[in-house]
């Protein structure tokens, strides 16, 4: 039962962090949503920081294999990036802001441990995107003159920024075309 309750608490905490913000929910909110006493929340997560760390750890644990699967399943850099943008579209279609985008917006108020985790999350994405850009250059899909890390940073900025705009406008359909336009700008002139 405790494992199920812990997982349910993490699920509800993620939903609250992605809809209201990490700082905007309390253990009382969690207890009410899960149907337990506040003391029971403290049993599983003695501090909100412990809850937040577990939340981001779980998010990282889900995203790493998802990114690896995209890299393995998709044969071209452009296809990998199109699939990648789908993660963000799906998130907003479910009514949820991407977790680390939500957390980064309130980074100054986060405990140091969570700030480090959010940085780790973005570095994971930048490393993955750098690999995809590198592959795209090697395969002739992207221009050879691109700075790999700078291009990865631009792509992450575009998809995260498009997600924030889409969140504000309640329109997830804005993410993919915006991101794919940025991807198209990486191609050699005259290629598709």
N, C-alpha and C. Protein backbone atom coordinates (compact mmCIF):
# COMPACT_ATOMS: atom_id res chain seq x y z
N UNK A 1 0.82 -1.21 0.00
CA UNK A 1 0.00 0.00 0.00
C UNK A 1 0.86 1.26 0.00
N UNK A 2 1.96 1.26 0.79
CA UNK A 2 2.81 2.45 0.86
C UNK A 2 3.41 2.80 -0.49
N UNK A 3 3.83 1.78 -1.24
CA UNK A 3 4.42 2.05 -2.55
C UNK A 3 3.37 2.71 -3.45
N UNK A 4 2.16 2.20 -3.43
CA UNK A 4 1.10 2.79 -4.22
C UNK A 4 0.78 4.21 -3.81
N UNK A 5 0.77 4.46 -2.51
CA UNK A 5 0.50 5.81 -2.02
C UNK A 5 1.62 6.76 -2.42
N UNK A 6 2.86 6.31 -2.29
CA UNK A 6 4.01 7.14 -2.66
C UNK A 6 3.93 7.52 -4.15
N UNK A 7 3.66 6.54 -4.98
CA UNK A 7 3.55 6.81 -6.42
C UNK A 7 2.39 7.76 -6.73
N UNK A 8 1.28 7.58 -6.03
CA UNK A 8 0.13 8.46 -6.23
C UNK A 8 0.47 9.89 -5.79
N UNK A 9 1.19 10.02 -4.69
CA UNK A 9 1.62 11.34 -4.24
C UNK A 9 2.52 12.01 -5.29
N UNK A 10 3.44 11.24 -5.85
CA UNK A 10 4.33 11.79 -6.88
C UNK A 10 3.54 12.20 -8.12
N UNK A 11 2.58 11.37 -8.51
CA UNK A 11 1.76 11.69 -9.68
C UNK A 11 0.98 12.99 -9.46
N UNK A 12 0.37 13.11 -8.31
CA UNK A 12 -0.41 14.32 -8.02
C UNK A 12 0.49 15.53 -7.86
N UNK A 13 1.66 15.35 -7.25
CA UNK A 13 2.61 16.46 -7.10
C UNK A 13 3.07 16.93 -8.48
N UNK A 14 3.30 15.99 -9.39
CA UNK A 14 3.70 16.37 -10.75
C UNK A 14 2.60 17.18 -11.43
N UNK A 15 1.38 16.71 -11.31
CA UNK A 15 0.26 17.44 -11.92
C UNK A 15 0.15 18.85 -11.34
N UNK A 16 0.26 18.96 -10.04
CA UNK A 16 0.18 20.28 -9.40
C UNK A 16 1.33 21.19 -9.82
N UNK A 17 2.54 20.64 -9.86
CA UNK A 17 3.71 21.44 -10.26
C UNK A 17 3.58 21.89 -11.71
N UNK A 18 3.00 21.05 -12.55
CA UNK A 18 2.90 21.35 -13.98
C UNK A 18 1.68 22.20 -14.33
N UNK A 19 0.76 22.36 -13.39
CA UNK A 19 -0.41 23.20 -13.66
C UNK A 19 -0.41 24.48 -12.82
N UNK A 20 0.01 24.38 -11.57
CA UNK A 20 0.00 25.53 -10.68
C UNK A 20 1.39 26.08 -10.38
N UNK A 21 2.39 25.20 -10.40
CA UNK A 21 3.74 25.57 -10.00
C UNK A 21 4.10 24.88 -8.70
N UNK A 22 5.38 24.59 -8.54
CA UNK A 22 5.88 23.89 -7.36
C UNK A 22 5.59 24.66 -6.07
N UNK A 23 5.84 25.96 -6.09
CA UNK A 23 5.65 26.77 -4.88
C UNK A 23 4.17 26.96 -4.53
N UNK A 24 3.28 26.71 -5.47
CA UNK A 24 1.87 27.04 -5.27
C UNK A 24 1.04 25.90 -4.68
N UNK A 25 1.66 24.76 -4.41
CA UNK A 25 0.88 23.70 -3.76
C UNK A 25 1.53 23.31 -2.44
N UNK A 26 0.70 22.77 -1.56
CA UNK A 26 1.16 22.39 -0.22
C UNK A 26 0.88 20.91 0.01
N UNK A 27 1.40 20.43 1.12
CA UNK A 27 1.10 19.05 1.51
C UNK A 27 -0.39 18.89 1.79
N UNK A 28 -1.05 19.92 2.24
CA UNK A 28 -2.50 19.85 2.46
C UNK A 28 -3.22 19.62 1.13
N UNK A 29 -2.75 20.29 0.06
CA UNK A 29 -3.33 20.08 -1.27
C UNK A 29 -3.14 18.63 -1.71
N UNK A 30 -1.93 18.12 -1.51
CA UNK A 30 -1.65 16.73 -1.89
C UNK A 30 -2.50 15.76 -1.10
N UNK A 31 -2.55 15.96 0.20
CA UNK A 31 -3.33 15.06 1.06
C UNK A 31 -4.79 15.02 0.62
N UNK A 32 -5.34 16.18 0.31
CA UNK A 32 -6.74 16.25 -0.13
C UNK A 32 -6.94 15.50 -1.44
N UNK A 33 -6.03 15.70 -2.39
CA UNK A 33 -6.17 15.05 -3.71
C UNK A 33 -6.03 13.54 -3.63
N UNK A 34 -5.16 13.07 -2.73
CA UNK A 34 -4.92 11.63 -2.62
C UNK A 34 -5.89 10.99 -1.63
N UNK A 35 -6.49 11.80 -0.77
CA UNK A 35 -7.44 11.26 0.20
C UNK A 35 -6.78 10.67 1.43
N UNK A 36 -5.68 11.30 1.85
CA UNK A 36 -4.98 10.85 3.06
C UNK A 36 -4.76 12.07 3.96
N UNK A 37 -4.26 11.78 5.17
CA UNK A 37 -3.95 12.88 6.08
C UNK A 37 -2.61 13.50 5.70
N UNK A 38 -2.44 14.77 6.05
CA UNK A 38 -1.19 15.48 5.76
C UNK A 38 0.00 14.77 6.40
N UNK A 39 -0.19 14.22 7.58
CA UNK A 39 0.90 13.50 8.26
C UNK A 39 1.37 12.31 7.42
N UNK A 40 0.46 11.71 6.68
CA UNK A 40 0.84 10.58 5.82
C UNK A 40 1.72 11.03 4.66
N UNK A 41 1.50 12.24 4.17
CA UNK A 41 2.37 12.78 3.12
C UNK A 41 3.77 12.92 3.70
N UNK A 42 3.87 13.45 4.92
CA UNK A 42 5.17 13.61 5.58
C UNK A 42 5.85 12.27 5.83
N UNK A 43 5.07 11.23 6.02
CA UNK A 43 5.65 9.89 6.21
C UNK A 43 6.44 9.48 4.96
N UNK A 44 5.90 9.75 3.79
CA UNK A 44 6.56 9.38 2.54
C UNK A 44 7.63 10.38 2.12
N UNK A 45 7.38 11.64 2.38
CA UNK A 45 8.31 12.71 1.98
C UNK A 45 8.41 13.68 3.16
N UNK A 46 9.44 13.51 4.00
CA UNK A 46 9.56 14.33 5.21
C UNK A 46 9.58 15.84 4.93
N UNK A 47 10.08 16.22 3.75
CA UNK A 47 10.12 17.64 3.39
C UNK A 47 9.62 17.81 1.96
N UNK A 48 9.20 19.01 1.64
CA UNK A 48 8.77 19.28 0.28
C UNK A 48 9.96 19.16 -0.68
N UNK A 49 11.15 19.49 -0.20
CA UNK A 49 12.34 19.31 -1.03
C UNK A 49 12.53 17.83 -1.38
N UNK A 50 12.34 16.94 -0.41
CA UNK A 50 12.46 15.50 -0.68
C UNK A 50 11.44 15.07 -1.73
N UNK A 51 10.24 15.61 -1.64
CA UNK A 51 9.20 15.33 -2.64
C UNK A 51 9.64 15.85 -4.01
N UNK A 52 10.12 17.08 -4.05
CA UNK A 52 10.55 17.68 -5.31
C UNK A 52 11.70 16.93 -5.95
N UNK A 53 12.66 16.51 -5.14
CA UNK A 53 13.80 15.74 -5.65
C UNK A 53 13.32 14.42 -6.24
N UNK A 54 12.44 13.73 -5.52
CA UNK A 54 11.90 12.46 -6.03
C UNK A 54 11.10 12.68 -7.31
N UNK A 55 10.38 13.78 -7.37
CA UNK A 55 9.59 14.10 -8.55
C UNK A 55 10.48 14.28 -9.78
N UNK A 56 11.52 15.08 -9.66
CA UNK A 56 12.40 15.32 -10.81
C UNK A 56 13.22 14.07 -11.13
N UNK A 57 13.63 13.31 -10.11
CA UNK A 57 14.32 12.04 -10.37
C UNK A 57 13.46 11.12 -11.22
N UNK A 58 12.18 11.04 -10.87
CA UNK A 58 11.26 10.19 -11.64
C UNK A 58 11.10 10.68 -13.06
N UNK A 59 11.04 11.98 -13.23
CA UNK A 59 10.91 12.59 -14.56
C UNK A 59 12.15 12.28 -15.40
N UNK A 60 13.32 12.42 -14.78
CA UNK A 60 14.57 12.09 -15.48
C UNK A 60 14.60 10.61 -15.85
N UNK A 61 14.17 9.76 -14.93
CA UNK A 61 14.18 8.32 -15.18
C UNK A 61 13.25 7.94 -16.33
N UNK A 62 12.18 8.70 -16.55
CA UNK A 62 11.28 8.44 -17.67
C UNK A 62 11.84 8.99 -18.98
N UNK A 63 12.46 10.17 -18.90
CA UNK A 63 12.88 10.84 -20.13
C UNK A 63 14.12 10.22 -20.76
N UNK A 64 15.07 9.76 -19.95
CA UNK A 64 16.29 9.18 -20.52
C UNK A 64 15.99 8.01 -21.45
N UNK A 65 15.22 7.02 -21.01
CA UNK A 65 14.92 5.92 -21.94
C UNK A 65 14.05 6.36 -23.12
N UNK A 66 13.19 7.34 -22.92
CA UNK A 66 12.36 7.83 -24.03
C UNK A 66 13.24 8.45 -25.11
N UNK A 67 14.22 9.24 -24.70
CA UNK A 67 15.14 9.84 -25.67
C UNK A 67 15.98 8.77 -26.36
N UNK A 68 16.43 7.79 -25.60
CA UNK A 68 17.23 6.70 -26.18
C UNK A 68 16.40 5.93 -27.21
N UNK A 69 15.13 5.71 -26.92
CA UNK A 69 14.26 4.99 -27.85
C UNK A 69 14.07 5.77 -29.15
N UNK A 70 13.92 7.08 -29.05
CA UNK A 70 13.77 7.91 -30.25
C UNK A 70 15.03 7.82 -31.09
N UNK A 71 16.17 7.89 -30.45
CA UNK A 71 17.44 7.82 -31.17
C UNK A 71 17.58 6.47 -31.88
N UNK A 72 17.11 5.43 -31.24
CA UNK A 72 17.22 4.09 -31.82
C UNK A 72 16.16 3.82 -32.89
N UNK A 73 14.95 4.31 -32.68
CA UNK A 73 13.83 3.98 -33.57
C UNK A 73 13.77 4.82 -34.84
N UNK A 74 14.19 6.06 -34.75
CA UNK A 74 14.10 6.96 -35.91
C UNK A 74 15.41 6.94 -36.68
N UNK A 75 15.32 6.88 -38.00
CA UNK A 75 16.53 6.72 -38.82
C UNK A 75 17.18 8.03 -39.22
N UNK A 76 16.46 9.13 -39.20
CA UNK A 76 17.06 10.40 -39.62
C UNK A 76 17.01 11.41 -38.48
N UNK A 77 17.90 12.37 -38.54
CA UNK A 77 17.92 13.42 -37.52
C UNK A 77 16.61 14.21 -37.53
N UNK A 78 16.12 14.51 -38.71
CA UNK A 78 14.86 15.26 -38.80
C UNK A 78 13.70 14.48 -38.19
N UNK A 79 13.65 13.18 -38.44
CA UNK A 79 12.58 12.36 -37.86
C UNK A 79 12.71 12.30 -36.34
N UNK A 80 13.95 12.20 -35.85
CA UNK A 80 14.16 12.19 -34.39
C UNK A 80 13.65 13.49 -33.77
N UNK A 81 13.96 14.59 -34.42
CA UNK A 81 13.54 15.89 -33.88
C UNK A 81 12.03 16.08 -33.96
N UNK A 82 11.41 15.57 -35.01
CA UNK A 82 9.95 15.65 -35.11
C UNK A 82 9.30 14.85 -33.98
N UNK A 83 9.83 13.66 -33.72
CA UNK A 83 9.31 12.84 -32.63
C UNK A 83 9.54 13.53 -31.29
N UNK A 84 10.70 14.12 -31.13
CA UNK A 84 11.04 14.85 -29.90
C UNK A 84 10.03 15.97 -29.63
N UNK A 85 9.68 16.72 -30.65
CA UNK A 85 8.72 17.81 -30.44
C UNK A 85 7.36 17.26 -30.00
N UNK A 86 7.08 16.03 -30.40
CA UNK A 86 5.83 15.38 -30.00
C UNK A 86 5.70 15.21 -28.50
N UNK A 87 6.83 15.04 -27.79
CA UNK A 87 6.77 14.94 -26.32
C UNK A 87 6.15 16.21 -25.74
N UNK A 88 6.52 17.34 -26.29
CA UNK A 88 6.05 18.63 -25.78
C UNK A 88 4.59 18.87 -26.17
N UNK A 89 4.24 18.48 -27.39
CA UNK A 89 2.85 18.60 -27.84
C UNK A 89 1.96 17.74 -26.95
N UNK A 90 2.37 16.49 -26.73
CA UNK A 90 1.58 15.58 -25.90
C UNK A 90 1.39 16.12 -24.50
N UNK A 91 2.44 16.68 -23.94
CA UNK A 91 2.38 17.24 -22.59
C UNK A 91 1.31 18.32 -22.51
N UNK A 92 1.35 19.26 -23.44
CA UNK A 92 0.38 20.35 -23.41
C UNK A 92 -1.02 19.89 -23.80
N UNK A 93 -1.10 18.89 -24.67
CA UNK A 93 -2.41 18.35 -25.03
C UNK A 93 -3.09 17.73 -23.82
N UNK A 94 -2.26 17.25 -22.87
CA UNK A 94 -2.79 16.69 -21.62
C UNK A 94 -3.07 17.77 -20.59
N UNK A 95 -2.87 19.04 -20.98
CA UNK A 95 -3.13 20.14 -20.06
C UNK A 95 -2.01 20.41 -19.07
N UNK A 96 -0.82 19.91 -19.38
CA UNK A 96 0.30 20.04 -18.45
C UNK A 96 1.47 20.77 -19.09
N UNK A 97 2.03 21.72 -18.39
CA UNK A 97 3.24 22.38 -18.84
C UNK A 97 4.40 21.39 -18.64
N UNK A 98 5.40 21.39 -19.53
CA UNK A 98 6.56 20.54 -19.28
C UNK A 98 7.13 20.82 -17.88
N UNK A 99 7.40 19.76 -17.12
CA UNK A 99 7.78 19.91 -15.72
C UNK A 99 8.99 20.81 -15.53
N UNK A 100 10.05 20.54 -16.26
CA UNK A 100 11.27 21.33 -16.01
C UNK A 100 11.14 22.75 -16.51
N UNK A 101 10.29 23.00 -17.48
CA UNK A 101 10.01 24.39 -17.88
C UNK A 101 9.28 25.10 -16.74
N UNK A 102 8.32 24.41 -16.14
CA UNK A 102 7.59 24.99 -15.01
C UNK A 102 8.53 25.25 -13.84
N UNK A 103 9.40 24.28 -13.56
CA UNK A 103 10.33 24.45 -12.44
C UNK A 103 11.37 25.53 -12.72
N UNK A 104 11.83 25.61 -13.95
CA UNK A 104 12.86 26.62 -14.25
C UNK A 104 12.29 28.03 -14.13
N UNK A 105 10.99 28.18 -14.35
CA UNK A 105 10.37 29.49 -14.21
C UNK A 105 10.41 29.98 -12.76
N UNK A 106 10.48 29.05 -11.83
CA UNK A 106 10.56 29.44 -10.42
C UNK A 106 11.87 28.96 -9.79
N UNK A 107 12.93 28.88 -10.60
CA UNK A 107 14.22 28.34 -10.15
C UNK A 107 14.79 29.06 -8.94
N UNK A 108 14.65 30.36 -8.88
CA UNK A 108 15.22 31.12 -7.76
C UNK A 108 14.60 30.71 -6.43
N UNK A 109 13.39 30.20 -6.45
CA UNK A 109 12.71 29.80 -5.21
C UNK A 109 12.89 28.31 -4.89
N UNK A 110 13.51 27.56 -5.79
CA UNK A 110 13.69 26.13 -5.57
C UNK A 110 14.89 25.87 -4.66
N UNK A 111 14.84 24.78 -3.90
CA UNK A 111 16.03 24.37 -3.15
C UNK A 111 17.18 24.07 -4.11
N UNK A 112 18.41 24.23 -3.63
CA UNK A 112 19.60 23.99 -4.47
C UNK A 112 19.58 22.62 -5.12
N UNK A 113 19.15 21.61 -4.37
CA UNK A 113 19.14 20.24 -4.92
C UNK A 113 18.23 20.16 -6.14
N UNK A 114 17.12 20.83 -6.10
CA UNK A 114 16.20 20.81 -7.25
C UNK A 114 16.73 21.67 -8.39
N UNK A 115 17.38 22.78 -8.06
CA UNK A 115 17.98 23.60 -9.11
C UNK A 115 19.00 22.78 -9.89
N UNK A 116 19.80 21.99 -9.17
CA UNK A 116 20.79 21.13 -9.84
C UNK A 116 20.10 20.09 -10.72
N UNK A 117 19.01 19.53 -10.23
CA UNK A 117 18.29 18.54 -11.03
C UNK A 117 17.70 19.14 -12.30
N UNK A 118 17.15 20.33 -12.19
CA UNK A 118 16.60 20.99 -13.37
C UNK A 118 17.72 21.24 -14.38
N UNK A 119 18.88 21.66 -13.89
CA UNK A 119 20.04 21.83 -14.78
C UNK A 119 20.43 20.51 -15.42
N UNK A 120 20.43 19.44 -14.64
CA UNK A 120 20.74 18.11 -15.17
C UNK A 120 19.76 17.72 -16.26
N UNK A 121 18.49 18.02 -16.05
CA UNK A 121 17.46 17.71 -17.04
C UNK A 121 17.75 18.43 -18.35
N UNK A 122 18.03 19.72 -18.26
CA UNK A 122 18.31 20.48 -19.49
C UNK A 122 19.61 20.02 -20.14
N UNK A 123 20.62 19.67 -19.35
CA UNK A 123 21.87 19.15 -19.92
C UNK A 123 21.63 17.82 -20.63
N UNK A 124 20.77 16.97 -20.07
CA UNK A 124 20.40 15.71 -20.73
C UNK A 124 19.82 16.00 -22.11
N UNK A 125 18.92 16.96 -22.18
CA UNK A 125 18.30 17.32 -23.46
C UNK A 125 19.33 17.93 -24.40
N UNK A 126 20.18 18.80 -23.89
CA UNK A 126 21.20 19.41 -24.74
C UNK A 126 22.17 18.37 -25.28
N UNK A 127 22.55 17.41 -24.44
CA UNK A 127 23.45 16.34 -24.91
C UNK A 127 22.77 15.52 -26.00
N UNK A 128 21.50 15.17 -25.78
CA UNK A 128 20.77 14.38 -26.77
C UNK A 128 20.61 15.16 -28.07
N UNK A 129 20.20 16.41 -27.96
CA UNK A 129 20.03 17.24 -29.15
C UNK A 129 21.36 17.44 -29.87
N UNK A 130 22.44 17.60 -29.13
CA UNK A 130 23.77 17.73 -29.75
C UNK A 130 24.10 16.50 -30.57
N UNK A 131 23.80 15.33 -30.02
CA UNK A 131 24.04 14.09 -30.76
C UNK A 131 23.23 14.01 -32.04
N UNK A 132 21.99 14.43 -31.96
CA UNK A 132 21.12 14.42 -33.15
C UNK A 132 21.63 15.41 -34.19
N UNK A 133 22.03 16.59 -33.75
CA UNK A 133 22.56 17.59 -34.69
C UNK A 133 23.85 17.06 -35.32
N UNK A 134 24.71 16.47 -34.51
CA UNK A 134 25.97 15.90 -35.01
C UNK A 134 25.67 14.83 -36.07
N UNK A 135 24.70 13.96 -35.79
CA UNK A 135 24.31 12.93 -36.77
C UNK A 135 23.76 13.56 -38.04
N UNK A 136 22.95 14.60 -37.88
CA UNK A 136 22.38 15.28 -39.04
C UNK A 136 23.44 15.91 -39.92
N UNK A 137 24.47 16.46 -39.31
CA UNK A 137 25.59 17.02 -40.07
C UNK A 137 26.34 15.90 -40.79
N UNK A 138 26.64 14.83 -40.06
CA UNK A 138 27.39 13.70 -40.64
C UNK A 138 26.63 13.05 -41.80
N UNK A 139 25.31 13.01 -41.71
CA UNK A 139 24.50 12.38 -42.76
C UNK A 139 24.11 13.35 -43.87
N UNK A 140 24.54 14.59 -43.78
CA UNK A 140 24.25 15.57 -44.82
C UNK A 140 22.86 16.19 -44.73
N UNK A 141 22.13 15.93 -43.65
CA UNK A 141 20.80 16.53 -43.47
C UNK A 141 20.91 17.99 -43.06
N UNK A 142 21.95 18.32 -42.31
CA UNK A 142 22.14 19.67 -41.79
C UNK A 142 23.45 20.25 -42.31
N UNK A 143 23.52 21.55 -42.33
CA UNK A 143 24.71 22.26 -42.80
C UNK A 143 25.94 21.88 -41.95
N UNK A 144 27.06 21.78 -42.60
CA UNK A 144 28.30 21.41 -41.93
C UNK A 144 28.87 22.53 -41.07
N UNK A 145 28.44 23.76 -41.29
CA UNK A 145 29.01 24.90 -40.56
C UNK A 145 28.32 25.17 -39.22
N UNK A 146 27.39 24.33 -38.83
CA UNK A 146 26.66 24.56 -37.58
C UNK A 146 27.54 24.27 -36.37
N UNK A 147 27.44 25.11 -35.36
CA UNK A 147 28.05 24.82 -34.06
C UNK A 147 27.07 23.89 -33.34
N UNK A 148 27.51 22.68 -33.05
CA UNK A 148 26.61 21.64 -32.55
C UNK A 148 25.93 22.04 -31.24
N UNK A 149 26.70 22.47 -30.25
CA UNK A 149 26.10 22.78 -28.95
C UNK A 149 25.20 24.02 -29.03
N UNK A 150 25.64 25.00 -29.78
CA UNK A 150 24.83 26.21 -29.93
C UNK A 150 23.51 25.89 -30.65
N UNK A 151 23.58 25.02 -31.63
CA UNK A 151 22.37 24.61 -32.35
C UNK A 151 21.44 23.82 -31.43
N UNK A 152 22.01 22.94 -30.61
CA UNK A 152 21.21 22.19 -29.64
C UNK A 152 20.52 23.15 -28.67
N UNK A 153 21.24 24.16 -28.22
CA UNK A 153 20.66 25.15 -27.31
C UNK A 153 19.53 25.91 -27.98
N UNK A 154 19.72 26.26 -29.24
CA UNK A 154 18.67 26.97 -29.98
C UNK A 154 17.43 26.08 -30.11
N UNK A 155 17.62 24.81 -30.44
CA UNK A 155 16.48 23.90 -30.60
C UNK A 155 15.72 23.72 -29.28
N UNK A 156 16.46 23.54 -28.20
CA UNK A 156 15.81 23.39 -26.90
C UNK A 156 15.06 24.67 -26.52
N UNK A 157 15.68 25.81 -26.79
CA UNK A 157 15.03 27.09 -26.50
C UNK A 157 13.75 27.26 -27.31
N UNK A 158 13.79 26.86 -28.56
CA UNK A 158 12.61 26.99 -29.42
C UNK A 158 11.47 26.10 -28.91
N UNK A 159 11.77 24.84 -28.61
CA UNK A 159 10.69 23.93 -28.21
C UNK A 159 10.15 24.30 -26.82
N UNK A 160 11.04 24.69 -25.91
CA UNK A 160 10.57 25.10 -24.58
C UNK A 160 9.80 26.42 -24.67
N UNK A 161 10.32 27.36 -25.46
CA UNK A 161 9.63 28.64 -25.64
C UNK A 161 8.28 28.47 -26.31
N UNK A 162 8.23 27.65 -27.34
CA UNK A 162 6.96 27.39 -28.01
C UNK A 162 5.97 26.73 -27.06
N UNK A 163 6.49 25.88 -26.16
CA UNK A 163 5.63 25.24 -25.17
C UNK A 163 5.03 26.27 -24.22
N UNK A 164 5.84 27.23 -23.80
CA UNK A 164 5.34 28.27 -22.89
C UNK A 164 4.29 29.14 -23.57
N UNK A 165 4.54 29.50 -24.82
CA UNK A 165 3.56 30.30 -25.57
C UNK A 165 2.28 29.48 -25.77
N UNK A 166 2.43 28.22 -26.16
CA UNK A 166 1.26 27.36 -26.36
C UNK A 166 0.48 27.18 -25.06
N UNK A 167 1.19 27.07 -23.94
CA UNK A 167 0.54 26.95 -22.63
C UNK A 167 -0.29 28.20 -22.34
N UNK A 168 0.30 29.36 -22.57
CA UNK A 168 -0.40 30.62 -22.30
C UNK A 168 -1.62 30.79 -23.20
N UNK A 169 -1.50 30.33 -24.45
CA UNK A 169 -2.59 30.47 -25.41
C UNK A 169 -3.54 29.27 -25.42
N UNK A 170 -3.20 28.26 -24.63
CA UNK A 170 -3.98 27.02 -24.57
C UNK A 170 -4.16 26.42 -25.96
N UNK A 171 -3.04 26.32 -26.68
CA UNK A 171 -3.07 25.83 -28.06
C UNK A 171 -1.78 25.06 -28.36
N UNK A 172 -1.81 23.76 -28.10
CA UNK A 172 -0.62 22.93 -28.29
C UNK A 172 -0.23 22.77 -29.76
N UNK A 173 -1.11 23.15 -30.67
CA UNK A 173 -0.79 22.99 -32.10
C UNK A 173 0.28 23.97 -32.56
N UNK A 174 0.65 24.91 -31.75
CA UNK A 174 1.68 25.88 -32.14
C UNK A 174 3.10 25.34 -31.99
N UNK A 175 3.28 24.30 -31.20
CA UNK A 175 4.62 23.83 -30.87
C UNK A 175 5.33 23.20 -32.06
N UNK A 176 4.73 22.17 -32.63
CA UNK A 176 5.43 21.41 -33.68
C UNK A 176 5.80 22.24 -34.90
N UNK A 177 4.89 23.03 -35.49
CA UNK A 177 5.30 23.80 -36.66
C UNK A 177 6.41 24.81 -36.36
N UNK A 178 6.37 25.39 -35.18
CA UNK A 178 7.42 26.34 -34.80
C UNK A 178 8.75 25.63 -34.69
N UNK A 179 8.76 24.48 -34.02
CA UNK A 179 9.99 23.72 -33.85
C UNK A 179 10.50 23.20 -35.19
N UNK A 180 9.61 22.68 -36.01
CA UNK A 180 10.05 22.13 -37.30
C UNK A 180 10.55 23.21 -38.25
N UNK A 181 10.06 24.43 -38.10
CA UNK A 181 10.62 25.53 -38.89
C UNK A 181 12.07 25.79 -38.48
N UNK A 182 12.34 25.72 -37.19
CA UNK A 182 13.72 25.87 -36.72
C UNK A 182 14.59 24.73 -37.24
N UNK A 183 14.06 23.51 -37.23
CA UNK A 183 14.80 22.36 -37.75
C UNK A 183 15.08 22.55 -39.24
N UNK A 184 14.10 23.02 -39.99
CA UNK A 184 14.28 23.23 -41.44
C UNK A 184 15.39 24.24 -41.71
N UNK A 185 15.59 25.18 -40.83
CA UNK A 185 16.63 26.19 -41.04
C UNK A 185 18.04 25.61 -40.91
N UNK A 186 18.14 24.38 -40.41
CA UNK A 186 19.45 23.74 -40.24
C UNK A 186 19.92 23.05 -41.52
N UNK A 187 19.00 22.85 -42.44
CA UNK A 187 19.30 22.08 -43.65
C UNK A 187 20.15 22.87 -44.63
N UNK A 188 20.85 22.13 -45.45
CA UNK A 188 21.58 22.75 -46.56
C UNK A 188 20.57 23.45 -47.46
N UNK A 189 20.94 24.56 -48.04
CA UNK A 189 20.06 25.27 -48.96
C UNK A 189 19.72 24.35 -50.12
N UNK A 190 18.42 24.29 -50.43
CA UNK A 190 17.99 23.47 -51.56
C UNK A 190 17.68 22.04 -51.20
N UNK A 191 17.79 21.65 -49.90
CA UNK A 191 17.41 20.30 -49.50
C UNK A 191 16.13 20.36 -48.71
N UNK A 192 15.49 19.20 -48.53
CA UNK A 192 14.24 19.23 -47.76
C UNK A 192 14.40 18.76 -46.36
